[in-house]
Protein backbone atom coordinates (compact mmCIF):
# COMPACT_ATOMS: atom_id res chain seq x y z
CA MET A 1 114.85 105.10 74.97
CA ASN A 2 116.17 108.08 76.91
CA THR A 3 117.17 107.68 80.53
CA ILE A 4 114.19 108.23 82.80
CA LYS A 5 114.82 110.80 85.52
CA THR A 6 112.72 111.45 88.60
CA LEU A 7 112.16 114.96 89.87
CA ILE A 8 109.97 117.18 91.99
CA PRO A 9 109.03 120.16 89.82
CA SER A 10 108.89 123.53 91.57
CA GLN A 11 106.60 124.75 88.82
CA LEU A 12 105.14 123.61 85.54
CA ASP A 13 104.12 125.73 82.57
CA GLU A 14 100.51 125.87 81.44
CA ASP A 15 101.07 123.31 78.66
CA GLN A 16 102.65 120.81 81.07
CA VAL A 17 99.83 121.24 83.58
CA GLY A 18 97.28 120.85 80.79
CA PHE A 19 99.01 117.73 79.49
CA LEU A 20 99.16 116.15 82.97
CA VAL A 21 95.54 116.98 83.82
CA SER A 22 94.38 115.56 80.50
CA MET A 23 96.52 112.42 80.87
CA ILE A 24 95.48 111.80 84.48
CA ASN A 25 91.78 112.30 83.78
CA GLN A 26 91.89 110.14 80.62
CA ILE A 27 93.69 107.28 82.37
CA TYR A 28 91.26 107.31 85.29
CA LEU A 29 88.30 107.60 82.91
CA GLU A 30 89.45 104.56 80.95
CA SER A 31 90.37 102.44 83.96
CA GLU A 32 87.48 103.41 86.26
CA ALA A 33 84.62 104.33 83.88
CA ASP A 34 82.41 101.66 85.44
CA LEU A 35 82.87 103.20 88.92
CA TRP A 36 82.22 106.92 88.40
CA LYS A 37 79.34 109.02 87.16
CA GLU A 38 80.09 110.86 83.93
CA GLU A 39 80.69 114.27 85.52
CA HIS A 40 83.56 113.04 87.70
CA GLU A 41 87.12 114.06 86.82
CA ARG A 42 90.13 112.87 88.82
CA THR A 43 91.85 116.25 88.95
CA SER A 44 91.75 119.83 87.63
CA LYS A 45 94.30 122.43 86.58
CA GLU A 46 93.73 124.31 89.84
CA ARG A 47 94.19 121.20 92.00
CA LEU A 48 97.30 120.02 90.13
CA THR A 49 98.85 123.49 90.33
CA GLU A 50 98.23 123.48 94.09
CA ILE A 51 99.91 120.06 94.42
CA VAL A 52 102.94 121.32 92.44
CA GLU A 53 103.17 124.49 94.57
CA LYS A 54 103.21 122.37 97.74
CA GLY A 55 106.07 120.29 96.31
CA GLU A 56 103.93 117.14 96.40
CA LEU A 57 104.04 116.16 92.72
CA LEU A 58 106.76 113.73 91.71
CA MET A 59 107.44 113.07 88.04
CA ALA A 60 109.28 110.68 85.76
CA VAL A 61 110.64 112.37 82.65
CA ALA A 62 112.99 111.64 79.77
CA GLY A 63 114.16 114.65 77.84
CA ASN A 64 111.13 116.90 77.48
CA GLU A 65 108.65 114.03 77.68
CA ILE A 66 106.56 113.30 80.78
CA TYR A 67 106.45 109.57 81.47
CA GLY A 68 104.27 109.71 84.58
CA CYS A 69 103.56 111.27 87.94
CA ILE A 70 102.53 110.50 91.50
CA HIS A 71 101.15 112.68 94.30
CA LEU A 72 103.10 112.26 97.56
CA GLU A 73 101.20 113.79 100.46
CA PRO A 74 102.40 113.97 104.08
CA MET A 75 99.86 112.63 106.58
CA ASP A 76 101.65 113.20 109.88
CA GLU A 77 105.21 113.24 111.23
CA ASN A 78 105.62 109.50 110.60
CA MET A 79 103.63 108.74 107.46
CA SER A 80 103.03 109.92 103.92
CA LYS A 81 100.59 108.56 101.38
CA PHE A 82 100.79 108.35 97.65
CA LYS A 83 97.93 108.70 95.25
CA MET A 84 97.17 109.60 91.67
CA LEU A 85 99.86 107.29 90.29
CA VAL A 86 99.77 107.42 86.49
CA ALA A 87 102.05 106.42 83.66
CA ASN A 88 101.88 107.93 80.20
CA PRO A 89 100.00 105.35 78.07
CA LYS A 90 102.72 105.69 75.39
CA HIS A 91 105.10 104.08 77.85
CA LYS A 92 102.88 101.43 79.42
CA GLY A 93 104.72 98.32 80.55
CA LYS A 94 108.09 100.06 80.99
CA GLY A 95 108.06 100.06 84.79
CA ILE A 96 107.10 103.72 85.20
CA GLY A 97 104.78 102.91 88.10
CA SER A 98 107.58 101.09 89.93
CA ILE A 99 110.01 103.94 89.29
CA LEU A 100 107.52 106.46 90.70
CA VAL A 101 106.58 104.40 93.77
CA ASP A 102 110.29 103.82 94.54
CA PHE A 103 110.92 107.56 94.18
CA ALA A 104 107.97 108.41 96.45
CA GLU A 105 109.22 105.97 99.10
CA ARG A 106 112.74 107.43 98.95
CA GLU A 107 111.40 110.98 99.25
CA ALA A 108 109.20 110.02 102.19
CA ARG A 109 112.17 108.40 103.99
CA LYS A 110 114.30 111.46 103.20
CA ASN A 111 111.60 113.55 104.92
CA GLY A 112 111.71 111.39 108.06
CA LYS A 113 108.67 109.21 107.32
CA ILE A 114 108.70 105.60 108.45
CA LYS A 115 105.47 104.44 106.76
CA MET A 116 103.74 104.89 103.43
CA GLN A 117 100.03 104.53 102.85
CA LEU A 118 97.83 104.23 99.78
CA GLU A 119 94.10 103.83 99.25
CA LEU A 120 92.61 101.56 96.64
CA LEU A 121 89.01 102.25 95.60
CA VAL A 122 87.41 98.84 95.10
CA PRO A 123 83.87 98.08 93.89
CA THR A 124 81.77 95.91 96.20
CA GLU A 125 79.38 94.57 93.55
CA PHE A 126 81.87 93.08 91.07
CA GLN A 127 85.56 92.27 90.62
CA HIS A 128 87.37 95.02 88.77
CA PRO A 129 90.38 93.67 86.79
CA ASP A 130 92.54 96.77 87.39
CA LYS A 131 91.86 96.65 91.13
CA VAL A 132 92.71 92.93 91.27
CA PHE A 133 95.97 93.69 89.44
CA LEU A 134 96.80 96.63 91.75
CA ASN A 135 96.07 94.61 94.88
CA ALA A 136 98.48 91.90 93.72
CA TRP A 137 101.13 94.45 92.68
CA TYR A 138 100.98 96.51 95.88
CA THR A 139 101.15 93.31 97.95
CA ARG A 140 104.12 92.07 95.92
CA ILE A 141 106.05 95.31 96.56
CA GLY A 142 105.51 95.12 100.32
CA TYR A 143 102.20 96.84 101.04
CA LYS A 144 99.74 95.17 103.41
CA LYS A 145 96.02 95.82 103.58
CA VAL A 146 95.43 97.22 107.07
CA ALA A 147 91.84 98.47 106.89
CA GLU A 148 88.76 98.88 104.79
CA GLU A 149 86.64 102.02 105.08
CA SER A 150 83.54 103.40 103.49
CA VAL A 151 84.34 105.77 100.65
CA ASP A 152 82.90 108.71 102.59
CA ALA A 153 84.98 107.87 105.68
CA ALA A 154 88.07 108.10 103.49
CA HIS A 155 86.86 111.11 101.44
CA GLU A 156 83.70 112.81 102.62
CA GLY A 157 81.05 113.24 99.93
CA LEU A 158 82.85 111.17 97.30
CA SER A 159 80.26 108.38 97.24
CA LYS A 160 77.71 110.67 95.55
CA LEU A 161 79.97 110.67 92.47
CA LEU A 162 80.05 106.86 92.27
CA LYS A 163 77.68 104.83 90.15
CA THR A 164 78.38 101.62 92.07
CA GLY A 165 79.13 100.63 95.65
CA CYS A 166 82.80 100.88 96.58
CA VAL A 167 85.06 100.70 99.62
CA ALA A 168 88.44 102.27 100.26
CA GLU A 169 91.03 99.59 101.01
CA ILE A 170 93.90 101.05 103.02
CA TYR A 171 97.40 99.64 102.46
CA GLN A 172 100.55 100.51 104.37
CA LYS A 173 104.23 99.69 104.15
CA VAL A 174 107.03 100.22 106.63
CA LEU A 175 109.76 102.14 104.82
């Protein structure tokens, strides 16, 4: 396997954007199909291009192959949050998620942030295996659940796209 590098792309070509949008939406569709109505997509070409232009997309690559990405968004002068963490399914189980979270934390510290936050969308009517796994993983790598909010408090209007009740669990870590 090639050496995995982390980078913040200043731009991506149309094929790369298309690949990432397709990969992100497919991964979220497969892992969260029982949460969302059919018309929901996690991201779009326009939104991903905007994230890249802001310098908020972090990627793991090897050669010309994209192994995964994460969106690192500043919240205020002290905190950033990460979201949209995905690993290319071809490379599942190779630690891509850990590489990307470590990179996001380093970048946040480099930008003067002292805390990192993430939100985990969790169904209220049943236990979702991926959410149970993510809760355990985030806790193991130092994140603590600090709050639980309604989905609309976290992201106004999002609940209308859900086909089941959910809450947004808020996790934070001191960097």
